[in-house]
């Protein structure tokens, strides 16, 4: 199952994680968002993809365990980095508290492990 490119830049390619059934929760979340939200998200994706870094930790942050978060407004797009200059966006949600919901981070970690396993079997 191939991933779907969200944004391709000079430093990174940002992809939506697609599960074995062909579903991408993060892409669906993005597609259902308002145009303003889409613009803010793409602005962050383009900054990371083209320049390789977002300096503002209020917009991109390391959440630990190899998981990072793009942070347009109250929404979070969790992701991880893989070889060959890829960033894979696993899941998205609206933040409702100060702390990262463990359930959401666990979803990202499961997707990360799944991605690596599929990559090793050359399914990606």
PDB file of N, CA and C in Angstrom:
ATOM      1  N   UNK A   1       0.851  -1.173   0.000  1.00  0.00           N
ATOM      2  CA  UNK A   1       0.000   0.000   0.000  1.00  0.00           C
ATOM      3  C   UNK A   1       0.899   1.240   0.000  1.00  0.00           C
ATOM      4  N   UNK A   2       0.751   2.072  -0.998  1.00  0.00           N
ATOM      5  CA  UNK A   2       1.541   3.293  -1.103  1.00  0.00           C
ATOM      6  C   UNK A   2       0.912   4.407  -0.276  1.00  0.00           C
ATOM      7  N   UNK A   3       1.775   5.248   0.278  1.00  0.00           N
ATOM      8  CA  UNK A   3       1.275   6.408   1.001  1.00  0.00           C
ATOM      9  C   UNK A   3       0.948   7.519   0.018  1.00  0.00           C
ATOM     10  N   UNK A   4       0.172   8.465   0.474  1.00  0.00           N
ATOM     11  CA  UNK A   4      -0.290   9.570  -0.357  1.00  0.00           C
ATOM     12  C   UNK A   4       0.481  10.823   0.050  1.00  0.00           C
ATOM     13  N   UNK A   5       1.052  11.496  -0.922  1.00  0.00           N
ATOM     14  CA  UNK A   5       1.852  12.692  -0.644  1.00  0.00           C
ATOM     15  C   UNK A   5       0.937  13.862  -0.286  1.00  0.00           C
ATOM     16  N   UNK A   6       1.252  14.488   0.852  1.00  0.00           N
ATOM     17  CA  UNK A   6       0.538  15.691   1.287  1.00  0.00           C
ATOM     18  C   UNK A   6       1.261  16.935   0.771  1.00  0.00           C
ATOM     19  N   UNK A   7       2.602  16.902   0.810  1.00  0.00           N
ATOM     20  CA  UNK A   7       3.399  18.034   0.335  1.00  0.00           C
ATOM     21  C   UNK A   7       4.806  17.548   0.034  1.00  0.00           C
ATOM     22  N   UNK A   8       5.349  17.977  -1.106  1.00  0.00           N
ATOM     23  CA  UNK A   8       6.711  17.616  -1.470  1.00  0.00           C
ATOM     24  C   UNK A   8       7.550  18.876  -1.559  1.00  0.00           C
ATOM     25  N   UNK A   9       8.657  18.888  -0.814  1.00  0.00           N
ATOM     26  CA  UNK A   9       9.524  20.051  -0.798  1.00  0.00           C
ATOM     27  C   UNK A   9      10.961  19.693  -1.101  1.00  0.00           C
ATOM     28  N   UNK A  10      11.853  20.662  -0.933  1.00  0.00           N
ATOM     29  CA  UNK A  10      13.270  20.458  -1.226  1.00  0.00           C
ATOM     30  C   UNK A  10      13.970  19.573  -0.203  1.00  0.00           C
ATOM     31  N   UNK A  11      13.524  19.603   1.049  1.00  0.00           N
ATOM     32  CA  UNK A  11      14.180  18.836   2.117  1.00  0.00           C
ATOM     33  C   UNK A  11      13.424  17.557   2.464  1.00  0.00           C
ATOM     34  N   UNK A  12      12.108  17.617   2.501  1.00  0.00           N
ATOM     35  CA  UNK A  12      11.294  16.474   2.905  1.00  0.00           C
ATOM     36  C   UNK A  12      10.077  16.308   2.003  1.00  0.00           C
ATOM     37  N   UNK A  13       9.603  15.079   1.969  1.00  0.00           N
ATOM     38  CA  UNK A  13       8.301  14.769   1.398  1.00  0.00           C
ATOM     39  C   UNK A  13       7.414  14.383   2.568  1.00  0.00           C
ATOM     40  N   UNK A  14       6.268  15.021   2.682  1.00  0.00           N
ATOM     41  CA  UNK A  14       5.331  14.725   3.764  1.00  0.00           C
ATOM     42  C   UNK A  14       4.207  13.884   3.190  1.00  0.00           C
ATOM     43  N   UNK A  15       3.986  12.721   3.817  1.00  0.00           N
ATOM     44  CA  UNK A  15       2.989  11.774   3.341  1.00  0.00           C
ATOM     45  C   UNK A  15       1.938  11.514   4.406  1.00  0.00           C
ATOM     46  N   UNK A  16       0.741  11.155   3.960  1.00  0.00           N
ATOM     47  CA  UNK A  16      -0.304  10.692   4.863  1.00  0.00           C
ATOM     48  C   UNK A  16      -0.083   9.198   5.079  1.00  0.00           C
ATOM     49  N   UNK A  17      -0.142   8.751   6.323  1.00  0.00           N
ATOM     50  CA  UNK A  17      -0.071   7.319   6.606  1.00  0.00           C
ATOM     51  C   UNK A  17      -1.363   6.665   6.136  1.00  0.00           C
ATOM     52  N   UNK A  18      -1.227   5.567   5.431  1.00  0.00           N
ATOM     53  CA  UNK A  18      -2.366   4.793   4.958  1.00  0.00           C
ATOM     54  C   UNK A  18      -2.244   3.401   5.564  1.00  0.00           C
ATOM     55  N   UNK A  19      -3.305   2.934   6.239  1.00  0.00           N
ATOM     56  CA  UNK A  19      -3.237   1.612   6.859  1.00  0.00           C
ATOM     57  C   UNK A  19      -3.399   0.513   5.809  1.00  0.00           C
ATOM     58  N   UNK A  20      -3.334  -0.736   6.234  1.00  0.00           N
ATOM     59  CA  UNK A  20      -3.392  -1.884   5.328  1.00  0.00           C
ATOM     60  C   UNK A  20      -4.712  -1.962   4.566  1.00  0.00           C
ATOM     61  N   UNK A  21      -5.751  -1.313   5.077  1.00  0.00           N
ATOM     62  CA  UNK A  21      -7.059  -1.319   4.414  1.00  0.00           C
ATOM     63  C   UNK A  21      -7.223  -0.124   3.472  1.00  0.00           C
ATOM     64  N   UNK A  22      -6.191   0.729   3.382  1.00  0.00           N
ATOM     65  CA  UNK A  22      -6.241   1.875   2.487  1.00  0.00           C
ATOM     66  C   UNK A  22      -6.827   3.135   3.094  1.00  0.00           C
ATOM     67  N   UNK A  23      -6.963   3.171   4.421  1.00  0.00           N
ATOM     68  CA  UNK A  23      -7.583   4.301   5.113  1.00  0.00           C
ATOM     69  C   UNK A  23      -6.525   5.214   5.725  1.00  0.00           C
ATOM     70  N   UNK A  24      -6.726   6.518   5.622  1.00  0.00           N
ATOM     71  CA  UNK A  24      -5.850   7.508   6.247  1.00  0.00           C
ATOM     72  C   UNK A  24      -6.686   8.433   7.121  1.00  0.00           C
ATOM     73  N   UNK A  25      -6.614   8.229   8.429  1.00  0.00           N
ATOM     74  CA  UNK A  25      -7.379   9.052   9.368  1.00  0.00           C
ATOM     75  C   UNK A  25      -6.943  10.507   9.296  1.00  0.00           C
ATOM     76  N   UNK A  26      -5.631  10.758   9.227  1.00  0.00           N
ATOM     77  CA  UNK A  26      -5.119  12.133   9.205  1.00  0.00           C
ATOM     78  C   UNK A  26      -5.563  12.868   7.942  1.00  0.00           C
ATOM     79  N   UNK A  27      -5.528  12.184   6.802  1.00  0.00           N
ATOM     80  CA  UNK A  27      -5.947  12.816   5.563  1.00  0.00           C
ATOM     81  C   UNK A  27      -7.449  13.110   5.595  1.00  0.00           C
ATOM     82  N   UNK A  28      -8.231  12.197   6.134  1.00  0.00           N
ATOM     83  CA  UNK A  28      -9.671  12.433   6.239  1.00  0.00           C
ATOM     84  C   UNK A  28      -9.950  13.638   7.144  1.00  0.00           C
ATOM     85  N   UNK A  29      -9.236  13.722   8.266  1.00  0.00           N
ATOM     86  CA  UNK A  29      -9.382  14.859   9.185  1.00  0.00           C
ATOM     87  C   UNK A  29      -9.084  16.163   8.452  1.00  0.00           C
ATOM     88  N   UNK A  30      -7.988  16.167   7.695  1.00  0.00           N
ATOM     89  CA  UNK A  30      -7.584  17.347   6.933  1.00  0.00           C
ATOM     90  C   UNK A  30      -8.648  17.722   5.899  1.00  0.00           C
ATOM     91  N   UNK A  31      -9.119  16.736   5.154  1.00  0.00           N
ATOM     92  CA  UNK A  31     -10.091  17.003   4.088  1.00  0.00           C
ATOM     93  C   UNK A  31     -11.411  17.553   4.616  1.00  0.00           C
ATOM     94  N   UNK A  32     -11.782  17.198   5.847  1.00  0.00           N
ATOM     95  CA  UNK A  32     -13.029  17.676   6.435  1.00  0.00           C
ATOM     96  C   UNK A  32     -12.889  19.041   7.115  1.00  0.00           C
ATOM     97  N   UNK A  33     -11.673  19.555   7.183  1.00  0.00           N
ATOM     98  CA  UNK A  33     -11.405  20.821   7.867  1.00  0.00           C
ATOM     99  C   UNK A  33     -11.816  22.015   6.997  1.00  0.00           C
ATOM    100  N   UNK A  34     -11.922  23.175   7.643  1.00  0.00           N
ATOM    101  CA  UNK A  34     -12.220  24.415   6.919  1.00  0.00           C
ATOM    102  C   UNK A  34     -11.040  24.788   6.028  1.00  0.00           C
ATOM    103  N   UNK A  35     -11.288  25.664   5.067  1.00  0.00           N
ATOM    104  CA  UNK A  35     -10.218  26.101   4.174  1.00  0.00           C
ATOM    105  C   UNK A  35      -9.126  26.848   4.947  1.00  0.00           C
ATOM    106  N   UNK A  36      -9.504  27.627   5.936  1.00  0.00           N
ATOM    107  CA  UNK A  36      -8.520  28.328   6.760  1.00  0.00           C
ATOM    108  C   UNK A  36      -7.609  27.328   7.472  1.00  0.00           C
ATOM    109  N   UNK A  37      -8.198  26.292   8.042  1.00  0.00           N
ATOM    110  CA  UNK A  37      -7.406  25.264   8.724  1.00  0.00           C
ATOM    111  C   UNK A  37      -6.482  24.556   7.731  1.00  0.00           C
ATOM    112  N   UNK A  38      -6.985  24.228   6.565  1.00  0.00           N
ATOM    113  CA  UNK A  38      -6.152  23.581   5.542  1.00  0.00           C
ATOM    114  C   UNK A  38      -4.973  24.471   5.170  1.00  0.00           C
ATOM    115  N   UNK A  39      -5.233  25.766   5.010  1.00  0.00           N
ATOM    116  CA  UNK A  39      -4.157  26.703   4.662  1.00  0.00           C
ATOM    117  C   UNK A  39      -3.085  26.746   5.745  1.00  0.00           C
ATOM    118  N   UNK A  40      -3.498  26.796   7.012  1.00  0.00           N
ATOM    119  CA  UNK A  40      -2.534  26.835   8.122  1.00  0.00           C
ATOM    120  C   UNK A  40      -1.721  25.547   8.189  1.00  0.00           C
ATOM    121  N   UNK A  41      -2.374  24.429   7.959  1.00  0.00           N
ATOM    122  CA  UNK A  41      -1.679  23.145   7.989  1.00  0.00           C
ATOM    123  C   UNK A  41      -0.674  23.055   6.844  1.00  0.00           C
ATOM    124  N   UNK A  42      -1.095  23.433   5.645  1.00  0.00           N
ATOM    125  CA  UNK A  42      -0.199  23.382   4.489  1.00  0.00           C
ATOM    126  C   UNK A  42       0.967  24.359   4.636  1.00  0.00           C
ATOM    127  N   UNK A  43       0.733  25.470   5.317  1.00  0.00           N
ATOM    128  CA  UNK A  43       1.816  26.415   5.575  1.00  0.00           C
ATOM    129  C   UNK A  43       2.909  25.736   6.420  1.00  0.00           C
ATOM    130  N   UNK A  44       2.493  24.994   7.451  1.00  0.00           N
ATOM    131  CA  UNK A  44       3.463  24.278   8.288  1.00  0.00           C
ATOM    132  C   UNK A  44       4.145  23.163   7.502  1.00  0.00           C
ATOM    133  N   UNK A  45       3.356  22.398   6.736  1.00  0.00           N
ATOM    134  CA  UNK A  45       3.928  21.317   5.926  1.00  0.00           C
ATOM    135  C   UNK A  45       4.945  21.878   4.932  1.00  0.00           C
ATOM    136  N   UNK A  46       4.606  22.989   4.286  1.00  0.00           N
ATOM    137  CA  UNK A  46       5.517  23.555   3.288  1.00  0.00           C
ATOM    138  C   UNK A  46       6.800  24.078   3.937  1.00  0.00           C
ATOM    139  N   UNK A  47       6.677  24.684   5.118  1.00  0.00           N
ATOM    140  CA  UNK A  47       7.866  25.164   5.825  1.00  0.00           C
ATOM    141  C   UNK A  47       8.817  24.031   6.161  1.00  0.00           C
ATOM    142  N   UNK A  48       8.272  22.954   6.698  1.00  0.00           N
ATOM    143  CA  UNK A  48       9.109  21.804   7.054  1.00  0.00           C
ATOM    144  C   UNK A  48       9.665  21.143   5.796  1.00  0.00           C
ATOM    145  N   UNK A  49       8.840  20.932   4.795  1.00  0.00           N
ATOM    146  CA  UNK A  49       9.267  20.237   3.582  1.00  0.00           C
ATOM    147  C   UNK A  49      10.326  21.022   2.813  1.00  0.00           C
ATOM    148  N   UNK A  50      10.204  22.336   2.783  1.00  0.00           N
ATOM    149  CA  UNK A  50      11.144  23.143   2.000  1.00  0.00           C
ATOM    150  C   UNK A  50      12.390  23.562   2.755  1.00  0.00           C
ATOM    151  N   UNK A  51      12.262  23.810   4.059  1.00  0.00           N
ATOM    152  CA  UNK A  51      13.397  24.331   4.825  1.00  0.00           C
ATOM    153  C   UNK A  51      13.986  23.335   5.817  1.00  0.00           C
ATOM    154  N   UNK A  52      13.264  22.247   6.093  1.00  0.00           N
ATOM    155  CA  UNK A  52      13.786  21.197   6.954  1.00  0.00           C
ATOM    156  C   UNK A  52      13.627  21.446   8.435  1.00  0.00           C
ATOM    157  N   UNK A  53      12.986  22.550   8.811  1.00  0.00           N
ATOM    158  CA  UNK A  53      12.821  22.857  10.233  1.00  0.00           C
ATOM    159  C   UNK A  53      11.738  23.918  10.403  1.00  0.00           C
ATOM    160  N   UNK A  54      11.012  23.784  11.510  1.00  0.00           N
ATOM    161  CA  UNK A  54      10.101  24.839  11.949  1.00  0.00           C
ATOM    162  C   UNK A  54      10.640  25.279  13.302  1.00  0.00           C
ATOM    163  N   UNK A  55      11.088  26.502  13.382  1.00  0.00           N
ATOM    164  CA  UNK A  55      11.769  26.979  14.590  1.00  0.00           C
ATOM    165  C   UNK A  55      10.823  27.232  15.748  1.00  0.00           C
ATOM    166  N   UNK A  56       9.594  27.488  15.467  1.00  0.00           N
ATOM    167  CA  UNK A  56       8.608  27.835  16.487  1.00  0.00           C
ATOM    168  C   UNK A  56       8.026  26.564  17.117  1.00  0.00           C
ATOM    169  N   UNK A  57       8.393  26.280  18.389  1.00  0.00           N
ATOM    170  CA  UNK A  57       7.909  25.051  19.033  1.00  0.00           C
ATOM    171  C   UNK A  57       6.416  25.098  19.320  1.00  0.00           C
ATOM    172  N   UNK A  58       5.805  26.263  19.159  1.00  0.00           N
ATOM    173  CA  UNK A  58       4.347  26.302  19.299  1.00  0.00           C
ATOM    174  C   UNK A  58       3.674  25.778  18.028  1.00  0.00           C
ATOM    175  N   UNK A  59       4.451  25.520  16.978  1.00  0.00           N
ATOM    176  CA  UNK A  59       3.904  25.039  15.703  1.00  0.00           C
ATOM    177  C   UNK A  59       4.397  23.647  15.317  1.00  0.00           C
ATOM    178  N   UNK A  60       5.535  23.206  15.875  1.00  0.00           N
ATOM    179  CA  UNK A  60       6.070  21.867  15.613  1.00  0.00           C
ATOM    180  C   UNK A  60       6.895  21.464  16.818  1.00  0.00           C
ATOM    181  N   UNK A  61       6.642  20.258  17.312  1.00  0.00           N
ATOM    182  CA  UNK A  61       7.292  19.877  18.559  1.00  0.00           C
ATOM    183  C   UNK A  61       7.571  18.382  18.616  1.00  0.00           C
ATOM    184  N   UNK A  62       8.676  18.031  19.267  1.00  0.00           N
ATOM    185  CA  UNK A  62       9.018  16.641  19.534  1.00  0.00           C
ATOM    186  C   UNK A  62       8.186  16.177  20.723  1.00  0.00           C
ATOM    187  N   UNK A  63       7.388  15.137  20.514  1.00  0.00           N
ATOM    188  CA  UNK A  63       6.521  14.609  21.573  1.00  0.00           C
ATOM    189  C   UNK A  63       7.142  13.391  22.255  1.00  0.00           C
ATOM    190  N   UNK A  64       8.360  13.024  21.884  1.00  0.00           N
ATOM    191  CA  UNK A  64       9.047  11.878  22.465  1.00  0.00           C
ATOM    192  C   UNK A  64       8.759  10.587  21.716  1.00  0.00           C
ATOM    193  N   UNK A  65       9.615   9.594  21.907  1.00  0.00           N
ATOM    194  CA  UNK A  65       9.463   8.267  21.301  1.00  0.00           C
ATOM    195  C   UNK A  65       9.460   8.304  19.771  1.00  0.00           C
ATOM    196  N   UNK A  66      10.100   9.313  19.181  1.00  0.00           N
ATOM    197  CA  UNK A  66      10.159   9.420  17.731  1.00  0.00           C
ATOM    198  C   UNK A  66       8.922  10.030  17.097  1.00  0.00           C
ATOM    199  N   UNK A  67       8.003  10.531  17.923  1.00  0.00           N
ATOM    200  CA  UNK A  67       6.762  11.130  17.435  1.00  0.00           C
ATOM    201  C   UNK A  67       6.862  12.654  17.555  1.00  0.00           C
ATOM    202  N   UNK A  68       6.417  13.336  16.505  1.00  0.00           N
ATOM    203  CA  UNK A  68       6.422  14.798  16.451  1.00  0.00           C
ATOM    204  C   UNK A  68       5.006  15.274  16.151  1.00  0.00           C
ATOM    205  N   UNK A  69       4.753  16.566  16.371  1.00  0.00           N
ATOM    206  CA  UNK A  69       3.414  17.106  16.125  1.00  0.00           C
ATOM    207  C   UNK A  69       3.487  18.433  15.383  1.00  0.00           C
ATOM    208  N   UNK A  70       2.790  18.494  14.253  1.00  0.00           N
ATOM    209  CA  UNK A  70       2.493  19.772  13.601  1.00  0.00           C
ATOM    210  C   UNK A  70       1.315  20.347  14.371  1.00  0.00           C
ATOM    211  N   UNK A  71       1.351  21.653  14.657  1.00  0.00           N
ATOM    212  CA  UNK A  71       0.360  22.250  15.542  1.00  0.00           C
ATOM    213  C   UNK A  71      -0.282  23.516  14.964  1.00  0.00           C
ATOM    214  N   UNK A  72      -1.140  23.349  13.944  1.00  0.00           N
ATOM    215  CA  UNK A  72      -1.892  24.518  13.493  1.00  0.00           C
ATOM    216  C   UNK A  72      -3.058  24.743  14.454  1.00  0.00           C
ATOM    217  N   UNK A  73      -3.104  25.858  15.102  1.00  0.00           N
ATOM    218  CA  UNK A  73      -4.161  26.166  16.082  1.00  0.00           C
ATOM    219  C   UNK A  73      -4.283  25.057  17.134  1.00  0.00           C
ATOM    220  N   UNK A  74      -5.513  24.610  17.402  1.00  0.00           N
ATOM    221  CA  UNK A  74      -5.728  23.580  18.420  1.00  0.00           C
ATOM    222  C   UNK A  74      -5.615  22.174  17.858  1.00  0.00           C
ATOM    223  N   UNK A  75      -5.434  22.054  16.562  1.00  0.00           N
ATOM    224  CA  UNK A  75      -5.324  20.737  15.950  1.00  0.00           C
ATOM    225  C   UNK A  75      -3.897  20.220  16.036  1.00  0.00           C
ATOM    226  N   UNK A  76      -3.778  18.914  16.065  1.00  0.00           N
ATOM    227  CA  UNK A  76      -2.475  18.264  16.092  1.00  0.00           C
ATOM    228  C   UNK A  76      -2.428  17.210  15.006  1.00  0.00           C
ATOM    229  N   UNK A  77      -1.329  17.216  14.271  1.00  0.00           N
ATOM    230  CA  UNK A  77      -1.051  16.184  13.277  1.00  0.00           C
ATOM    231  C   UNK A  77       0.217  15.481  13.737  1.00  0.00           C
ATOM    232  N   UNK A  78       0.065  14.255  14.217  1.00  0.00           N
ATOM    233  CA  UNK A  78       1.217  13.514  14.707  1.00  0.00           C
ATOM    234  C   UNK A  78       1.926  12.853  13.537  1.00  0.00           C
ATOM    235  N   UNK A  79       3.248  12.753  13.660  1.00  0.00           N
ATOM    236  CA  UNK A  79       4.041  12.230  12.551  1.00  0.00           C
ATOM    237  C   UNK A  79       5.346  11.636  13.059  1.00  0.00           C
ATOM    238  N   UNK A  80       6.066  11.008  12.133  1.00  0.00           N
ATOM    239  CA  UNK A  80       7.401  10.507  12.418  1.00  0.00           C
ATOM    240  C   UNK A  80       8.263  10.684  11.173  1.00  0.00           C
ATOM    241  N   UNK A  81       9.571  10.666  11.368  1.00  0.00           N
ATOM    242  CA  UNK A  81      10.530  10.787  10.269  1.00  0.00           C
ATOM    243  C   UNK A  81      11.007   9.391   9.879  1.00  0.00           C
ATOM    244  N   UNK A  82      11.191   9.165   8.587  1.00  0.00           N
ATOM    245  CA  UNK A  82      11.786   7.925   8.101  1.00  0.00           C
ATOM    246  C   UNK A  82      12.878   8.271   7.111  1.00  0.00           C
ATOM    247  N   UNK A  83      13.659   7.258   6.754  1.00  0.00           N
ATOM    248  CA  UNK A  83      14.779   7.493   5.830  1.00  0.00           C
ATOM    249  C   UNK A  83      14.285   8.038   4.498  1.00  0.00           C
ATOM    250  N   UNK A  84      15.212   8.464   3.701  1.00  0.00           N
ATOM    251  CA  UNK A  84      14.926   9.020   2.379  1.00  0.00           C
ATOM    252  C   UNK A  84      14.140  10.325   2.439  1.00  0.00           C
ATOM    253  N   UNK A  85      14.264  11.055   3.534  1.00  0.00           N
ATOM    254  CA  UNK A  85      13.650  12.376   3.617  1.00  0.00           C
ATOM    255  C   UNK A  85      12.141  12.386   3.646  1.00  0.00           C
ATOM    256  N   UNK A  86      11.550  11.413   4.340  1.00  0.00           N
ATOM    257  CA  UNK A  86      10.097  11.363   4.440  1.00  0.00           C
ATOM    258  C   UNK A  86       9.638  11.681   5.854  1.00  0.00           C
ATOM    259  N   UNK A  87       8.520  12.361   5.919  1.00  0.00           N
ATOM    260  CA  UNK A  87       7.793  12.555   7.173  1.00  0.00           C
ATOM    261  C   UNK A  87       6.416  11.956   6.920  1.00  0.00           C
ATOM    262  N   UNK A  88       5.995  11.062   7.816  1.00  0.00           N
ATOM    263  CA  UNK A  88       4.714  10.381   7.642  1.00  0.00           C
ATOM    264  C   UNK A  88       3.756  10.863   8.723  1.00  0.00           C
ATOM    265  N   UNK A  89       2.630  11.438   8.292  1.00  0.00           N
ATOM    266  CA  UNK A  89       1.610  11.964   9.206  1.00  0.00           C
ATOM    267  C   UNK A  89       0.629  10.830   9.509  1.00  0.00           C
ATOM    268  N   UNK A  90       0.539  10.457  10.783  1.00  0.00           N
ATOM    269  CA  UNK A  90      -0.209   9.263  11.173  1.00  0.00           C
ATOM    270  C   UNK A  90      -1.658   9.513  11.558  1.00  0.00           C
ATOM    271  N   UNK A  91      -1.890  10.483  12.403  1.00  0.00           N
ATOM    272  CA  UNK A  91      -3.242  10.745  12.897  1.00  0.00           C
ATOM    273  C   UNK A  91      -3.360  12.214  13.278  1.00  0.00           C
ATOM    274  N   UNK A  92      -4.611  12.670  13.329  1.00  0.00           N
ATOM    275  CA  UNK A  92      -4.880  14.073  13.637  1.00  0.00           C
ATOM    276  C   UNK A  92      -6.061  14.153  14.587  1.00  0.00           C
ATOM    277  N   UNK A  93      -6.059  15.206  15.407  1.00  0.00           N
ATOM    278  CA  UNK A  93      -7.123  15.392  16.394  1.00  0.00           C
ATOM    279  C   UNK A  93      -7.122  16.831  16.865  1.00  0.00           C
ATOM    280  N   UNK A  94      -8.213  17.217  17.513  1.00  0.00           N
ATOM    281  CA  UNK A  94      -8.283  18.541  18.123  1.00  0.00           C
ATOM    282  C   UNK A  94      -7.842  18.417  19.574  1.00  0.00           C
ATOM    283  N   UNK A  95      -6.884  19.221  19.946  1.00  0.00           N
ATOM    284  CA  UNK A  95      -6.368  19.211  21.315  1.00  0.00           C
ATOM    285  C   UNK A  95      -7.388  19.867  22.240  1.00  0.00           C
ATOM    286  N   UNK A  96      -7.691  19.170  23.339  1.00  0.00           N
ATOM    287  CA  UNK A  96      -8.689  19.692  24.282  1.00  0.00           C
ATOM    288  C   UNK A  96      -8.117  19.943  25.668  1.00  0.00           C
ATOM    289  N   UNK A  97      -6.841  19.584  25.871  1.00  0.00           N
ATOM    290  CA  UNK A  97      -6.212  19.823  27.173  1.00  0.00           C
ATOM    291  C   UNK A  97      -4.754  20.193  26.953  1.00  0.00           C
ATOM    292  N   UNK A  98      -4.090  20.569  28.010  1.00  0.00           N
ATOM    293  CA  UNK A  98      -2.689  20.978  27.924  1.00  0.00           C
ATOM    294  C   UNK A  98      -1.772  19.818  27.541  1.00  0.00           C
ATOM    295  N   UNK A  99      -2.113  18.633  28.001  1.00  0.00           N
ATOM    296  CA  UNK A  99      -1.249  17.474  27.826  1.00  0.00           C
ATOM    297  C   UNK A  99      -1.650  16.668  26.591  1.00  0.00           C
ATOM    298  N   UNK A 100      -0.633  16.099  25.938  1.00  0.00           N
ATOM    299  CA  UNK A 100      -0.872  15.236  24.777  1.00  0.00           C
ATOM    300  C   UNK A 100      -1.667  14.007  25.226  1.00  0.00           C
ATOM    301  N   UNK A 101      -2.807  13.725  24.603  1.00  0.00           N
ATOM    302  CA  UNK A 101      -3.562  12.520  24.971  1.00  0.00           C
ATOM    303  C   UNK A 101      -2.750  11.255  24.656  1.00  0.00           C
ATOM    304  N   UNK A 102      -2.526  10.440  25.658  1.00  0.00           N
ATOM    305  CA  UNK A 102      -1.719   9.228  25.482  1.00  0.00           C
ATOM    306  C   UNK A 102      -2.304   8.323  24.396  1.00  0.00           C
ATOM    307  N   UNK A 103      -3.619   8.273  24.310  1.00  0.00           N
ATOM    308  CA  UNK A 103      -4.302   7.450  23.309  1.00  0.00           C
ATOM    309  C   UNK A 103      -3.886   7.857  21.893  1.00  0.00           C
ATOM    310  N   UNK A 104      -3.778   9.156  21.649  1.00  0.00           N
ATOM    311  CA  UNK A 104      -3.396   9.644  20.324  1.00  0.00           C
ATOM    312  C   UNK A 104      -1.932   9.323  20.025  1.00  0.00           C
ATOM    313  N   UNK A 105      -1.076   9.483  21.022  1.00  0.00           N
ATOM    314  CA  UNK A 105       0.338   9.162  20.819  1.00  0.00           C
ATOM    315  C   UNK A 105       0.508   7.670  20.558  1.00  0.00           C
ATOM    316  N   UNK A 106      -0.259   6.844  21.262  1.00  0.00           N
ATOM    317  CA  UNK A 106      -0.191   5.395  21.048  1.00  0.00           C
ATOM    318  C   UNK A 106      -0.615   5.032  19.627  1.00  0.00           C
ATOM    319  N   UNK A 107      -1.621   5.707  19.096  1.00  0.00           N
ATOM    320  CA  UNK A 107      -2.036   5.474  17.706  1.00  0.00           C
ATOM    321  C   UNK A 107      -0.871   5.771  16.753  1.00  0.00           C
ATOM    322  N   UNK A 108      -0.171   6.868  17.012  1.00  0.00           N
ATOM    323  CA  UNK A 108       0.969   7.243  16.172  1.00  0.00           C
ATOM    324  C   UNK A 108       2.081   6.207  16.267  1.00  0.00           C
ATOM    325  N   UNK A 109       2.337   5.710  17.478  1.00  0.00           N
ATOM    326  CA  UNK A 109       3.388   4.698  17.662  1.00  0.00           C
ATOM    327  C   UNK A 109       3.026   3.386  16.966  1.00  0.00           C
ATOM    328  N   UNK A 110       1.769   2.991  17.030  1.00  0.00           N
ATOM    329  CA  UNK A 110       1.320   1.776  16.341  1.00  0.00           C
ATOM    330  C   UNK A 110       1.502   1.953  14.829  1.00  0.00           C
ATOM    331  N   UNK A 111       1.126   3.115  14.303  1.00  0.00           N
ATOM    332  CA  UNK A 111       1.289   3.384  12.874  1.00  0.00           C
ATOM    333  C   UNK A 111       2.768   3.364  12.488  1.00  0.00           C
ATOM    334  N   UNK A 112       3.603   3.930  13.326  1.00  0.00           N
ATOM    335  CA  UNK A 112       5.050   3.955  13.084  1.00  0.00           C
ATOM    336  C   UNK A 112       5.585   2.532  12.970  1.00  0.00           C
ATOM    337  N   UNK A 113       5.255   1.687  13.927  1.00  0.00           N
ATOM    338  CA  UNK A 113       5.710   0.287  13.905  1.00  0.00           C
ATOM    339  C   UNK A 113       5.164  -0.442  12.687  1.00  0.00           C
ATOM    340  N   UNK A 114       3.910  -0.200  12.362  1.00  0.00           N
ATOM    341  CA  UNK A 114       3.286  -0.815  11.198  1.00  0.00           C
ATOM    342  C   UNK A 114       4.002  -0.383   9.920  1.00  0.00           C
ATOM    343  N   UNK A 115       4.301   0.895   9.818  1.00  0.00           N
ATOM    344  CA  UNK A 115       4.982   1.434   8.642  1.00  0.00           C
ATOM    345  C   UNK A 115       6.351   0.783   8.470  1.00  0.00           C
ATOM    346  N   UNK A 116       7.116   0.714   9.552  1.00  0.00           N
ATOM    347  CA  UNK A 116       8.457   0.133   9.490  1.00  0.00           C
ATOM    348  C   UNK A 116       8.389  -1.339   9.088  1.00  0.00           C
ATOM    349  N   UNK A 117       7.443  -2.065   9.656  1.00  0.00           N
ATOM    350  CA  UNK A 117       7.283  -3.480   9.333  1.00  0.00           C
ATOM    351  C   UNK A 117       6.937  -3.653   7.845  1.00  0.00           C
ATOM    352  N   UNK A 118       6.020  -2.847   7.341  1.00  0.00           N
ATOM    353  CA  UNK A 118       5.629  -2.927   5.933  1.00  0.00           C
ATOM    354  C   UNK A 118       6.784  -2.503   5.024  1.00  0.00           C
ATOM    355  N   UNK A 119       7.550  -1.501   5.462  1.00  0.00           N
ATOM    356  CA  UNK A 119       8.689  -1.045   4.685  1.00  0.00           C
ATOM    357  C   UNK A 119       9.745  -2.138   4.582  1.00  0.00           C
ATOM    358  N   UNK A 120       9.993  -2.847   5.674  1.00  0.00           N
ATOM    359  CA  UNK A 120      10.971  -3.933   5.675  1.00  0.00           C
ATOM    360  C   UNK A 120      10.546  -5.082   4.762  1.00  0.00           C
ATOM    361  N   UNK A 121       9.250  -5.276   4.630  1.00  0.00           N
ATOM    362  CA  UNK A 121       8.739  -6.318   3.735  1.00  0.00           C
ATOM    363  C   UNK A 121       8.556  -5.792   2.327  1.00  0.00           C
ATOM    364  N   UNK A 122       8.998  -4.540   2.111  1.00  0.00           N
ATOM    365  CA  UNK A 122       8.929  -3.875   0.816  1.00  0.00           C
ATOM    366  C   UNK A 122       7.502  -3.724   0.312  1.00  0.00           C
ATOM    367  N   UNK A 123       6.584  -3.457   1.244  1.00  0.00           N
ATOM    368  CA  UNK A 123       5.191  -3.249   0.883  1.00  0.00           C
ATOM    369  C   UNK A 123       4.863  -1.775   0.713  1.00  0.00           C
ATOM    370  N   UNK A 124       5.848  -0.918   0.976  1.00  0.00           N
ATOM    371  CA  UNK A 124       5.624   0.532   0.841  1.00  0.00           C
ATOM    372  C   UNK A 124       6.540   1.064  -0.243  1.00  0.00           C
TER     373      UNK A 124
END
